Amino acid sequence: MVAESEVLALHAPVVCVVGPTASGKTDLAQKLAGVLNGEVVSADSMQIYRGMDIGTGKLPVSERLVPHHGFDLVDPGEPFSAALFQTFARTCFRDIDARGHRAVLCGGTGFYVRAALDGYDFPKGEQVNNPVREHYMRIAEVEGAEALWRLLDERDAASAALIPPADVKRVVRAFELLEDGTTYAKQRAKLASIPQVVPAVFVGLAVEPDVLRARIDARVDAMVEAGLVDEVRGLLAQGFHEGVTAPQAIGYKEIVEAFEGKCSLEEAIERIKVATHRYAKRQRTWFRKDKRIHWIDATEGVADSLAEEALALIKAQGAA
């Protein structure tokens, strides 16, 4: 746990905007930052990668009306972690606060949001350049994800039961935690009891599932129209194959499969949509468990009215 002395002292609470992909978080966060003299900190585990712009829905530079932080931190495939994001985000909060501005945390990666605001004391295994991580990643590369998961199941069945075999990143994290004297299952069980150490108010955007599915499909089509295929081709030409084929790289790995003849481009686009639907469902499930979040119905998606409603919520919490 984090000591009391480590609780961040800010002049005003961080405004945290969360919700599933395509719910309108980016627009709302920017509007709130504009009204509150703020700056946006992105909590998105894929928007940290340079060059992965279209497929991650990264706000174009020309459309950023306020300062944004958290984009383009590392190259695709370069190790990054929630522990590193915690340090990055809290540094941003302090710096933004020192400038007399308001920090607006905008994210769809639930664990990054909690890492930024809550008192996670990450074990060594959560850091990068860790020999344990490198060892088990090599096993996955040589023997495959299923073999690595079976090895975890033999050593820690409780944790293996919580992680899909294809999720190599979390399987490797489970081994790291074992080396550090704890388990992934125990860490998951402690989630609800970890204290908040950064003052914040929480606004969530809820969208009716059928409407969200339609938005996601339209968004994927727009990404393809905007040049997603060429973006993937360019990243491969720069040698970022590992980064764009990672399991979490939705929108990239499917295009690579089309390049490799494993499916047609049309099939790849459909796979992107299906994978994004599933991801949005996981996001909703994660955020719904957090009782601090005050939800707004964003089904209609009118940005100005959403901003007014969000500001009313923030004021009601004494944090405007």
C-alpha atoms as a PDB file:
ATOM      1  CA  MET A   1       0.000   0.000   0.000  1.00  0.00           C
ATOM      2  CA  VAL A   2       0.993   3.630  -0.465  1.00  0.00           C
ATOM      3  CA  ALA A   3       1.966   5.573   2.625  1.00  0.00           C
ATOM      4  CA  GLU A   4      -0.150   8.573   3.626  1.00  0.00           C
ATOM      5  CA  SER A   5       2.758  10.873   2.789  1.00  0.00           C
ATOM      6  CA  GLU A   6       2.555   9.701  -0.822  1.00  0.00           C
ATOM      7  CA  VAL A   7      -0.992  10.959  -1.331  1.00  0.00           C
ATOM      8  CA  LEU A   8      -0.875  13.669  -3.996  1.00  0.00           C
ATOM      9  CA  ALA A   9      -1.731  17.162  -2.799  1.00  0.00           C
ATOM     10  CA  LEU A  10      -3.362  19.001  -5.721  1.00  0.00           C
ATOM     11  CA  HIS A  11      -5.148  22.343  -5.793  1.00  0.00           C
ATOM     12  CA  ALA A  12      -8.096  20.702  -7.567  1.00  0.00           C
ATOM     13  CA  PRO A  13      -9.093  17.063  -8.084  1.00  0.00           C
ATOM     14  CA  VAL A  14      -8.295  15.323 -11.323  1.00  0.00           C
ATOM     15  CA  VAL A  15     -11.349  14.993 -13.572  1.00  0.00           C
ATOM     16  CA  CYS A  16     -11.457  11.398 -14.768  1.00  0.00           C
ATOM     17  CA  VAL A  17     -13.482  10.589 -17.896  1.00  0.00           C
ATOM     18  CA  VAL A  18     -13.969   6.884 -18.620  1.00  0.00           C
ATOM     19  CA  GLY A  19     -16.075   4.588 -20.756  1.00  0.00           C
ATOM     20  CA  PRO A  20     -15.850   2.052 -23.576  1.00  0.00           C
ATOM     21  CA  THR A  21     -14.283   2.754 -26.940  1.00  0.00           C
ATOM     22  CA  ALA A  22     -16.420   4.934 -29.239  1.00  0.00           C
ATOM     23  CA  SER A  23     -18.425   6.330 -26.315  1.00  0.00           C
ATOM     24  CA  GLY A  24     -17.185   9.892 -26.859  1.00  0.00           C
ATOM     25  CA  LYS A  25     -14.549  10.137 -24.111  1.00  0.00           C
ATOM     26  CA  THR A  26     -12.026  12.025 -26.197  1.00  0.00           C
ATOM     27  CA  ASP A  27     -14.412  14.807 -27.215  1.00  0.00           C
ATOM     28  CA  LEU A  28     -15.853  15.165 -23.716  1.00  0.00           C
ATOM     29  CA  ALA A  29     -12.443  15.252 -22.038  1.00  0.00           C
ATOM     30  CA  GLN A  30     -11.251  17.962 -24.400  1.00  0.00           C
ATOM     31  CA  LYS A  31     -14.413  20.040 -23.906  1.00  0.00           C
ATOM     32  CA  LEU A  32     -14.106  19.774 -20.123  1.00  0.00           C
ATOM     33  CA  ALA A  33     -10.445  20.727 -20.275  1.00  0.00           C
ATOM     34  CA  GLY A  34     -11.360  23.760 -22.346  1.00  0.00           C
ATOM     35  CA  VAL A  35     -13.929  24.927 -19.810  1.00  0.00           C
ATOM     36  CA  LEU A  36     -11.785  24.151 -16.759  1.00  0.00           C
ATOM     37  CA  ASN A  37      -8.512  25.587 -18.110  1.00  0.00           C
ATOM     38  CA  GLY A  38      -7.198  22.060 -18.190  1.00  0.00           C
ATOM     39  CA  GLU A  39      -4.883  19.630 -19.944  1.00  0.00           C
ATOM     40  CA  VAL A  40      -5.738  16.071 -20.956  1.00  0.00           C
ATOM     41  CA  VAL A  41      -3.763  13.009 -19.865  1.00  0.00           C
ATOM     42  CA  SER A  42      -4.570   9.961 -21.989  1.00  0.00           C
ATOM     43  CA  ALA A  43      -4.895   6.636 -20.160  1.00  0.00           C
ATOM     44  CA  ASP A  44      -4.840   4.381 -23.212  1.00  0.00           C
ATOM     45  CA  SER A  45      -2.362   1.528 -23.373  1.00  0.00           C
ATOM     46  CA  MET A  46      -2.178   1.625 -27.184  1.00  0.00           C
ATOM     47  CA  GLN A  47      -2.064   5.372 -27.801  1.00  0.00           C
ATOM     48  CA  ILE A  48       1.309   5.432 -26.071  1.00  0.00           C
ATOM     49  CA  TYR A  49       2.844   3.977 -29.246  1.00  0.00           C
ATOM     50  CA  ARG A  50       4.388   6.218 -31.882  1.00  0.00           C
ATOM     51  CA  GLY A  51       3.007   5.783 -35.357  1.00  0.00           C
ATOM     52  CA  MET A  52      -0.050   3.834 -34.210  1.00  0.00           C
ATOM     53  CA  ASP A  53      -2.387   6.745 -34.773  1.00  0.00           C
ATOM     54  CA  ILE A  54      -5.363   5.832 -36.935  1.00  0.00           C
ATOM     55  CA  GLY A  55      -5.992   2.378 -35.488  1.00  0.00           C
ATOM     56  CA  THR A  56      -5.869   3.570 -31.882  1.00  0.00           C
ATOM     57  CA  GLY A  57      -8.192   6.521 -32.455  1.00  0.00           C
ATOM     58  CA  LYS A  58      -5.506   8.960 -31.385  1.00  0.00           C
ATOM     59  CA  LEU A  59      -6.711  12.561 -31.588  1.00  0.00           C
ATOM     60  CA  PRO A  60      -4.899  14.220 -34.525  1.00  0.00           C
ATOM     61  CA  VAL A  61      -2.564  17.082 -33.644  1.00  0.00           C
ATOM     62  CA  SER A  62      -4.663  19.473 -35.732  1.00  0.00           C
ATOM     63  CA  GLU A  63      -7.732  18.704 -33.579  1.00  0.00           C
ATOM     64  CA  ARG A  64      -6.096  19.094 -30.164  1.00  0.00           C
ATOM     65  CA  LEU A  65      -7.548  22.275 -28.707  1.00  0.00           C
ATOM     66  CA  VAL A  66      -5.784  21.851 -25.345  1.00  0.00           C
ATOM     67  CA  PRO A  67      -2.460  20.242 -24.376  1.00  0.00           C
ATOM     68  CA  HIS A  68      -2.530  16.437 -24.425  1.00  0.00           C
ATOM     69  CA  HIS A  69      -0.163  14.054 -22.653  1.00  0.00           C
ATOM     70  CA  GLY A  70       0.301  10.298 -22.916  1.00  0.00           C
ATOM     71  CA  PHE A  71       0.573   9.969 -26.692  1.00  0.00           C
ATOM     72  CA  ASP A  72       3.686   8.674 -28.499  1.00  0.00           C
ATOM     73  CA  LEU A  73       5.711   7.651 -25.453  1.00  0.00           C
ATOM     74  CA  VAL A  74       7.438   4.571 -26.935  1.00  0.00           C
ATOM     75  CA  ASP A  75       7.875   2.720 -30.211  1.00  0.00           C
ATOM     76  CA  PRO A  76       5.527  -0.185 -31.047  1.00  0.00           C
ATOM     77  CA  GLY A  77       6.638  -3.340 -29.271  1.00  0.00           C
ATOM     78  CA  GLU A  78       8.801  -1.461 -26.793  1.00  0.00           C
ATOM     79  CA  PRO A  79       8.070  -2.632 -23.230  1.00  0.00           C
ATOM     80  CA  PHE A  80       5.735  -0.485 -21.198  1.00  0.00           C
ATOM     81  CA  SER A  81       3.704  -1.193 -18.076  1.00  0.00           C
ATOM     82  CA  ALA A  82       1.005   0.097 -15.776  1.00  0.00           C
ATOM     83  CA  ALA A  83       3.756   0.821 -13.252  1.00  0.00           C
ATOM     84  CA  LEU A  84       5.515   3.117 -15.715  1.00  0.00           C
ATOM     85  CA  PHE A  85       2.219   4.754 -16.616  1.00  0.00           C
ATOM     86  CA  GLN A  86       1.557   5.381 -12.928  1.00  0.00           C
ATOM     87  CA  THR A  87       4.798   7.330 -12.650  1.00  0.00           C
ATOM     88  CA  PHE A  88       4.158   9.180 -15.915  1.00  0.00           C
ATOM     89  CA  ALA A  89       0.569  10.139 -15.058  1.00  0.00           C
ATOM     90  CA  ARG A  90       1.346  11.382 -11.565  1.00  0.00           C
ATOM     91  CA  THR A  91       4.217  13.466 -12.886  1.00  0.00           C
ATOM     92  CA  CYS A  92       1.756  14.976 -15.367  1.00  0.00           C
ATOM     93  CA  PHE A  93      -0.768  15.674 -12.590  1.00  0.00           C
ATOM     94  CA  ARG A  94       1.843  17.492 -10.494  1.00  0.00           C
ATOM     95  CA  ASP A  95       3.165  19.514 -13.438  1.00  0.00           C
ATOM     96  CA  ILE A  96      -0.304  20.477 -14.698  1.00  0.00           C
ATOM     97  CA  ASP A  97      -1.350  21.484 -11.192  1.00  0.00           C
ATOM     98  CA  ALA A  98       1.822  23.544 -10.765  1.00  0.00           C
ATOM     99  CA  ARG A  99       0.936  25.445 -13.947  1.00  0.00           C
ATOM    100  CA  GLY A 100      -2.392  26.360 -12.396  1.00  0.00           C
ATOM    101  CA  HIS A 101      -4.284  24.122 -14.796  1.00  0.00           C
ATOM    102  CA  ARG A 102      -6.717  21.242 -14.268  1.00  0.00           C
ATOM    103  CA  ALA A 103      -5.746  17.661 -15.082  1.00  0.00           C
ATOM    104  CA  VAL A 104      -8.346  15.688 -17.051  1.00  0.00           C
ATOM    105  CA  LEU A 105      -7.576  11.963 -17.191  1.00  0.00           C
ATOM    106  CA  CYS A 106      -9.223  10.346 -20.212  1.00  0.00           C
ATOM    107  CA  GLY A 107      -9.083   6.631 -20.570  1.00  0.00           C
ATOM    108  CA  GLY A 108     -10.439   3.365 -21.742  1.00  0.00           C
ATOM    109  CA  THR A 109      -7.677   1.226 -20.260  1.00  0.00           C
ATOM    110  CA  GLY A 110      -9.171   0.564 -16.847  1.00  0.00           C
ATOM    111  CA  PHE A 111      -6.004  -0.671 -15.199  1.00  0.00           C
ATOM    112  CA  TYR A 112      -4.085   2.407 -16.335  1.00  0.00           C
ATOM    113  CA  VAL A 113      -6.785   4.622 -14.825  1.00  0.00           C
ATOM    114  CA  ARG A 114      -6.620   2.806 -11.503  1.00  0.00           C
ATOM    115  CA  ALA A 115      -2.816   2.722 -11.537  1.00  0.00           C
ATOM    116  CA  ALA A 116      -2.763   6.496 -12.005  1.00  0.00           C
ATOM    117  CA  LEU A 117      -5.234   7.291  -9.231  1.00  0.00           C
ATOM    118  CA  ASP A 118      -5.083   4.435  -6.733  1.00  0.00           C
ATOM    119  CA  GLY A 119      -2.406   3.209  -4.357  1.00  0.00           C
ATOM    120  CA  TYR A 120      -0.936   0.337  -6.307  1.00  0.00           C
ATOM    121  CA  ASP A 121       2.465  -0.636  -5.008  1.00  0.00           C
ATOM    122  CA  PHE A 122       3.756  -2.500  -8.038  1.00  0.00           C
ATOM    123  CA  PRO A 123       6.118  -5.445  -7.545  1.00  0.00           C
ATOM    124  CA  LYS A 124       9.401  -5.518  -9.412  1.00  0.00           C
ATOM    125  CA  GLY A 125       7.874  -7.765 -12.052  1.00  0.00           C
ATOM    126  CA  GLU A 126       5.726  -4.897 -13.252  1.00  0.00           C
ATOM    127  CA  GLN A 127       8.776  -2.976 -14.456  1.00  0.00           C
ATOM    128  CA  VAL A 128      10.423  -3.242 -17.866  1.00  0.00           C
ATOM    129  CA  ASN A 129      13.810  -4.810 -18.662  1.00  0.00           C
ATOM    130  CA  ASN A 130      13.017  -7.565 -16.191  1.00  0.00           C
ATOM    131  CA  PRO A 131      14.892 -10.870 -16.786  1.00  0.00           C
ATOM    132  CA  VAL A 132      11.922 -12.905 -15.566  1.00  0.00           C
ATOM    133  CA  ARG A 133       9.695 -11.257 -18.160  1.00  0.00           C
ATOM    134  CA  GLU A 134      12.251 -11.808 -20.904  1.00  0.00           C
ATOM    135  CA  HIS A 135      12.600 -15.494 -19.956  1.00  0.00           C
ATOM    136  CA  TYR A 136       8.901 -16.260 -20.190  1.00  0.00           C
ATOM    137  CA  MET A 137       8.398 -14.135 -23.288  1.00  0.00           C
ATOM    138  CA  ARG A 138      11.039 -16.290 -24.986  1.00  0.00           C
ATOM    139  CA  ILE A 139       9.112 -19.408 -23.993  1.00  0.00           C
ATOM    140  CA  ALA A 140       5.979 -17.943 -25.560  1.00  0.00           C
ATOM    141  CA  GLU A 141       7.858 -17.082 -28.746  1.00  0.00           C
ATOM    142  CA  VAL A 142       9.461 -20.525 -29.072  1.00  0.00           C
ATOM    143  CA  GLU A 143       6.772 -22.859 -27.729  1.00  0.00           C
ATOM    144  CA  GLY A 144       3.645 -20.769 -28.176  1.00  0.00           C
ATOM    145  CA  ALA A 145       1.109 -19.030 -25.942  1.00  0.00           C
ATOM    146  CA  GLU A 146      -0.789 -22.223 -25.095  1.00  0.00           C
ATOM    147  CA  ALA A 147       2.360 -23.945 -23.827  1.00  0.00           C
ATOM    148  CA  LEU A 148       3.234 -20.962 -21.643  1.00  0.00           C
ATOM    149  CA  TRP A 149      -0.287 -20.910 -20.182  1.00  0.00           C
ATOM    150  CA  ARG A 150      -0.124 -24.646 -19.396  1.00  0.00           C
ATOM    151  CA  LEU A 151       3.135 -24.041 -17.542  1.00  0.00           C
ATOM    152  CA  LEU A 152       1.406 -21.364 -15.470  1.00  0.00           C
ATOM    153  CA  ASP A 153      -1.535 -23.706 -14.859  1.00  0.00           C
ATOM    154  CA  GLU A 154       0.873 -26.265 -13.401  1.00  0.00           C
ATOM    155  CA  ARG A 155       2.441 -23.729 -11.039  1.00  0.00           C
ATOM    156  CA  ASP A 156      -0.526 -21.475 -10.228  1.00  0.00           C
ATOM    157  CA  ALA A 157      -3.867 -22.893 -11.337  1.00  0.00           C
ATOM    158  CA  ALA A 158      -5.873 -20.181  -9.558  1.00  0.00           C
ATOM    159  CA  SER A 159      -4.207 -17.423 -11.556  1.00  0.00           C
ATOM    160  CA  ALA A 160      -4.270 -19.388 -14.816  1.00  0.00           C
ATOM    161  CA  ALA A 161      -8.033 -19.758 -14.458  1.00  0.00           C
ATOM    162  CA  LEU A 162      -8.360 -15.958 -14.586  1.00  0.00           C
ATOM    163  CA  ILE A 163      -6.270 -15.430 -17.735  1.00  0.00           C
ATOM    164  CA  PRO A 164      -7.102 -16.513 -21.306  1.00  0.00           C
ATOM    165  CA  PRO A 165      -4.272 -18.652 -22.781  1.00  0.00           C
ATOM    166  CA  ALA A 166      -3.829 -16.207 -25.669  1.00  0.00           C
ATOM    167  CA  ASP A 167      -3.180 -13.272 -23.303  1.00  0.00           C
ATOM    168  CA  VAL A 168       0.585 -13.710 -23.183  1.00  0.00           C
ATOM    169  CA  LYS A 169       1.141 -10.358 -21.483  1.00  0.00           C
ATOM    170  CA  ARG A 170      -0.939 -11.276 -18.437  1.00  0.00           C
ATOM    171  CA  VAL A 171       0.373 -14.843 -18.324  1.00  0.00           C
ATOM    172  CA  VAL A 172       3.915 -13.470 -18.189  1.00  0.00           C
ATOM    173  CA  ARG A 173       2.848 -10.979 -15.512  1.00  0.00           C
ATOM    174  CA  ALA A 174       1.536 -13.903 -13.466  1.00  0.00           C
ATOM    175  CA  PHE A 175       4.978 -15.521 -13.572  1.00  0.00           C
ATOM    176  CA  GLU A 176       6.581 -12.216 -12.576  1.00  0.00           C
ATOM    177  CA  LEU A 177       4.288 -11.966  -9.567  1.00  0.00           C
ATOM    178  CA  LEU A 178       5.096 -15.541  -8.564  1.00  0.00           C
ATOM    179  CA  GLU A 179       8.789 -14.650  -8.609  1.00  0.00           C
ATOM    180  CA  ASP A 180       7.988 -11.688  -6.378  1.00  0.00           C
ATOM    181  CA  GLY A 181       6.257 -13.858  -3.786  1.00  0.00           C
ATOM    182  CA  THR A 182       2.629 -13.204  -4.668  1.00  0.00           C
ATOM    183  CA  THR A 183       0.158 -14.294  -7.351  1.00  0.00           C
ATOM    184  CA  TYR A 184      -1.977 -12.742 -10.046  1.00  0.00           C
ATOM    185  CA  ALA A 185      -5.079 -14.174  -8.356  1.00  0.00           C
ATOM    186  CA  LYS A 186      -4.188 -12.537  -5.035  1.00  0.00           C
ATOM    187  CA  GLN A 187      -3.522  -9.213  -6.763  1.00  0.00           C
ATOM    188  CA  ARG A 188      -6.899  -9.373  -8.498  1.00  0.00           C
ATOM    189  CA  ALA A 189      -8.623 -10.130  -5.190  1.00  0.00           C
ATOM    190  CA  LYS A 190      -7.059  -7.030  -3.610  1.00  0.00           C
ATOM    191  CA  LEU A 191      -8.337  -4.635  -6.290  1.00  0.00           C
ATOM    192  CA  ALA A 192     -11.390  -3.509  -4.320  1.00  0.00           C
ATOM    193  CA  SER A 193      -9.406  -2.680  -1.179  1.00  0.00           C
ATOM    194  CA  ILE A 194      -6.660  -0.540  -2.729  1.00  0.00           C
ATOM    195  CA  PRO A 195      -7.073   3.080  -1.549  1.00  0.00           C
ATOM    196  CA  GLN A 196      -7.335   6.116  -3.796  1.00  0.00           C
ATOM    197  CA  VAL A 197      -4.283   8.360  -3.402  1.00  0.00           C
ATOM    198  CA  VAL A 198      -4.952  11.001  -6.067  1.00  0.00           C
ATOM    199  CA  PRO A 199      -7.946  13.302  -5.480  1.00  0.00           C
ATOM    200  CA  ALA A 200     -10.342  12.841  -8.386  1.00  0.00           C
ATOM    201  CA  VAL A 201     -13.933  13.004  -9.563  1.00  0.00           C
ATOM    202  CA  PHE A 202     -15.188  10.355 -11.957  1.00  0.00           C
ATOM    203  CA  VAL A 203     -17.501  10.716 -14.959  1.00  0.00           C
ATOM    204  CA  GLY A 204     -18.441   7.697 -17.049  1.00  0.00           C
ATOM    205  CA  LEU A 205     -20.088   7.611 -20.471  1.00  0.00           C
ATOM    206  CA  ALA A 206     -22.682   4.876 -20.975  1.00  0.00           C
ATOM    207  CA  VAL A 207     -24.025   4.015 -24.419  1.00  0.00           C
ATOM    208  CA  GLU A 208     -26.768   1.520 -25.276  1.00  0.00           C
ATOM    209  CA  PRO A 209     -25.051  -1.667 -26.555  1.00  0.00           C
ATOM    210  CA  ASP A 210     -26.707  -1.696 -29.992  1.00  0.00           C
ATOM    211  CA  VAL A 211     -25.856   1.959 -30.531  1.00  0.00           C
ATOM    212  CA  LEU A 212     -22.282   1.391 -29.385  1.00  0.00           C
ATOM    213  CA  ARG A 213     -21.883  -1.548 -31.770  1.00  0.00           C
ATOM    214  CA  ALA A 214     -23.040   0.621 -34.654  1.00  0.00           C
ATOM    215  CA  ARG A 215     -20.653   3.399 -33.623  1.00  0.00           C
ATOM    216  CA  ILE A 216     -17.763   0.952 -33.420  1.00  0.00           C
ATOM    217  CA  ASP A 217     -18.525  -0.448 -36.880  1.00  0.00           C
ATOM    218  CA  ALA A 218     -18.713   3.055 -38.351  1.00  0.00           C
ATOM    219  CA  ARG A 219     -15.506   4.018 -36.585  1.00  0.00           C
ATOM    220  CA  VAL A 220     -13.627   1.026 -37.989  1.00  0.00           C
ATOM    221  CA  ASP A 221     -14.881   1.827 -41.500  1.00  0.00           C
ATOM    222  CA  ALA A 222     -13.716   5.428 -41.010  1.00  0.00           C
ATOM    223  CA  MET A 223     -10.272   4.231 -39.883  1.00  0.00           C
ATOM    224  CA  VAL A 224      -9.909   2.149 -43.027  1.00  0.00           C
ATOM    225  CA  GLU A 225     -11.040   5.108 -45.117  1.00  0.00           C
ATOM    226  CA  ALA A 226      -8.500   7.322 -43.316  1.00  0.00           C
ATOM    227  CA  GLY A 227      -5.593   5.064 -44.278  1.00  0.00           C
ATOM    228  CA  LEU A 228      -5.302   2.329 -41.640  1.00  0.00           C
ATOM    229  CA  VAL A 229      -3.994  -0.198 -44.161  1.00  0.00           C
ATOM    230  CA  ASP A 230      -1.184   2.115 -45.243  1.00  0.00           C
ATOM    231  CA  GLU A 231      -0.419   2.916 -41.607  1.00  0.00           C
ATOM    232  CA  VAL A 232       0.059  -0.786 -40.859  1.00  0.00           C
ATOM    233  CA  ARG A 233       2.160  -1.245 -43.999  1.00  0.00           C
ATOM    234  CA  GLY A 234       4.382   1.662 -42.962  1.00  0.00           C
ATOM    235  CA  LEU A 235       4.862   0.308 -39.437  1.00  0.00           C
ATOM    236  CA  LEU A 236       5.876  -3.079 -40.826  1.00  0.00           C
ATOM    237  CA  ALA A 237       8.357  -1.383 -43.155  1.00  0.00           C
ATOM    238  CA  GLN A 238       9.929   0.276 -40.103  1.00  0.00           C
ATOM    239  CA  GLY A 239      10.427  -3.116 -38.445  1.00  0.00           C
ATOM    240  CA  PHE A 240       7.600  -2.951 -35.915  1.00  0.00           C
ATOM    241  CA  HIS A 241       6.106  -6.366 -36.747  1.00  0.00           C
ATOM    242  CA  GLU A 242       6.107  -7.541 -33.123  1.00  0.00           C
ATOM    243  CA  GLY A 243       4.334  -4.412 -31.928  1.00  0.00           C
ATOM    244  CA  VAL A 244       1.555  -4.430 -34.513  1.00  0.00           C
ATOM    245  CA  THR A 245       0.869  -8.165 -34.198  1.00  0.00           C
ATOM    246  CA  ALA A 246       0.645  -8.170 -30.391  1.00  0.00           C
ATOM    247  CA  PRO A 247      -2.614  -9.686 -29.058  1.00  0.00           C
ATOM    248  CA  GLN A 248      -3.830  -6.308 -27.771  1.00  0.00           C
ATOM    249  CA  ALA A 249      -3.106  -4.476 -31.058  1.00  0.00           C
ATOM    250  CA  ILE A 250      -6.691  -4.572 -32.326  1.00  0.00           C
ATOM    251  CA  GLY A 251      -6.923  -3.055 -35.779  1.00  0.00           C
ATOM    252  CA  TYR A 252      -3.316  -3.826 -36.626  1.00  0.00           C
ATOM    253  CA  LYS A 253      -2.802  -7.551 -36.206  1.00  0.00           C
ATOM    254  CA  GLU A 254      -5.893  -8.264 -38.309  1.00  0.00           C
ATOM    255  CA  ILE A 255      -4.542  -6.176 -41.208  1.00  0.00           C
ATOM    256  CA  VAL A 256      -1.223  -8.019 -40.944  1.00  0.00           C
ATOM    257  CA  GLU A 257      -3.115 -11.310 -41.238  1.00  0.00           C
ATOM    258  CA  ALA A 258      -4.615 -10.029 -44.482  1.00  0.00           C
ATOM    259  CA  PHE A 259      -1.147  -9.078 -45.749  1.00  0.00           C
ATOM    260  CA  GLU A 260       0.034 -12.589 -44.908  1.00  0.00           C
ATOM    261  CA  GLY A 261      -2.804 -14.169 -46.878  1.00  0.00           C
ATOM    262  CA  LYS A 262      -4.540 -15.610 -43.827  1.00  0.00           C
ATOM    263  CA  CYS A 263      -7.741 -13.757 -44.692  1.00  0.00           C
ATOM    264  CA  SER A 264      -9.055 -11.179 -47.117  1.00  0.00           C
ATOM    265  CA  LEU A 265      -8.997  -7.476 -46.307  1.00  0.00           C
ATOM    266  CA  GLU A 266     -12.780  -7.545 -45.961  1.00  0.00           C
ATOM    267  CA  GLU A 267     -12.518 -10.412 -43.468  1.00  0.00           C
ATOM    268  CA  ALA A 268      -9.814  -8.529 -41.563  1.00  0.00           C
ATOM    269  CA  ILE A 269     -12.044  -5.481 -41.245  1.00  0.00           C
ATOM    270  CA  GLU A 270     -14.872  -7.639 -39.935  1.00  0.00           C
ATOM    271  CA  ARG A 271     -12.473  -9.245 -37.425  1.00  0.00           C
ATOM    272  CA  ILE A 272     -11.471  -5.787 -36.218  1.00  0.00           C
ATOM    273  CA  LYS A 273     -15.109  -4.941 -35.584  1.00  0.00           C
ATOM    274  CA  VAL A 274     -15.769  -8.181 -33.691  1.00  0.00           C
ATOM    275  CA  ALA A 275     -12.609  -7.799 -31.584  1.00  0.00           C
ATOM    276  CA  THR A 276     -13.497  -4.187 -30.779  1.00  0.00           C
ATOM    277  CA  HIS A 277     -17.028  -5.178 -29.737  1.00  0.00           C
ATOM    278  CA  ARG A 278     -15.531  -7.701 -27.324  1.00  0.00           C
ATOM    279  CA  TYR A 279     -13.054  -5.174 -26.009  1.00  0.00           C
ATOM    280  CA  ALA A 280     -15.816  -2.623 -25.394  1.00  0.00           C
ATOM    281  CA  LYS A 281     -17.755  -5.244 -23.432  1.00  0.00           C
ATOM    282  CA  ARG A 282     -14.704  -5.906 -21.248  1.00  0.00           C
ATOM    283  CA  GLN A 283     -14.307  -2.159 -20.690  1.00  0.00           C
ATOM    284  CA  ARG A 284     -17.933  -1.802 -19.604  1.00  0.00           C
ATOM    285  CA  THR A 285     -17.575  -4.713 -17.205  1.00  0.00           C
ATOM    286  CA  TRP A 286     -14.412  -3.240 -15.671  1.00  0.00           C
ATOM    287  CA  PHE A 287     -15.733   0.278 -15.182  1.00  0.00           C
ATOM    288  CA  ARG A 288     -19.140  -0.827 -13.899  1.00  0.00           C
ATOM    289  CA  LYS A 289     -17.395  -2.372 -10.893  1.00  0.00           C
ATOM    290  CA  ASP A 290     -16.020   1.029  -9.837  1.00  0.00           C
ATOM    291  CA  LYS A 291     -18.670   2.646  -7.641  1.00  0.00           C
ATOM    292  CA  ARG A 292     -16.902   6.015  -7.703  1.00  0.00           C
ATOM    293  CA  ILE A 293     -17.980   6.628 -11.288  1.00  0.00           C
ATOM    294  CA  HIS A 294     -21.008   8.858 -11.931  1.00  0.00           C
ATOM    295  CA  TRP A 295     -22.581   7.760 -15.206  1.00  0.00           C
ATOM    296  CA  ILE A 296     -24.015   9.874 -18.010  1.00  0.00           C
ATOM    297  CA  ASP A 297     -26.182   8.431 -20.771  1.00  0.00           C
ATOM    298  CA  ALA A 298     -24.166   9.214 -23.900  1.00  0.00           C
ATOM    299  CA  THR A 299     -26.365   7.244 -26.293  1.00  0.00           C
ATOM    300  CA  GLU A 300     -27.437  10.393 -28.121  1.00  0.00           C
ATOM    301  CA  GLY A 301     -23.829  11.548 -28.257  1.00  0.00           C
ATOM    302  CA  VAL A 302     -24.408  15.310 -28.279  1.00  0.00           C
ATOM    303  CA  ALA A 303     -21.045  16.629 -27.076  1.00  0.00           C
ATOM    304  CA  ASP A 304     -22.207  20.018 -25.763  1.00  0.00           C
ATOM    305  CA  SER A 305     -25.043  18.597 -23.674  1.00  0.00           C
ATOM    306  CA  LEU A 306     -22.767  15.847 -22.354  1.00  0.00           C
ATOM    307  CA  ALA A 307     -20.260  18.480 -21.274  1.00  0.00           C
ATOM    308  CA  GLU A 308     -22.978  20.440 -19.471  1.00  0.00           C
ATOM    309  CA  GLU A 309     -24.148  17.308 -17.671  1.00  0.00           C
ATOM    310  CA  ALA A 310     -20.606  16.331 -16.770  1.00  0.00           C
ATOM    311  CA  LEU A 311     -19.872  19.812 -15.389  1.00  0.00           C
ATOM    312  CA  ALA A 312     -23.030  19.594 -13.286  1.00  0.00           C
ATOM    313  CA  LEU A 313     -21.809  16.303 -11.839  1.00  0.00           C
ATOM    314  CA  ILE A 314     -18.388  17.773 -11.124  1.00  0.00           C
ATOM    315  CA  LYS A 315     -19.944  20.789  -9.406  1.00  0.00           C
ATOM    316  CA  ALA A 316     -22.238  18.541  -7.378  1.00  0.00           C
ATOM    317  CA  GLN A 317     -19.135  16.826  -6.039  1.00  0.00           C
ATOM    318  CA  GLY A 318     -17.667  20.200  -5.079  1.00  0.00           C
ATOM    319  CA  ALA A 319     -14.887  19.897  -7.595  1.00  0.00           C
ATOM    320  CA  ALA A 320     -15.655  22.424 -10.342  1.00  0.00           C
END
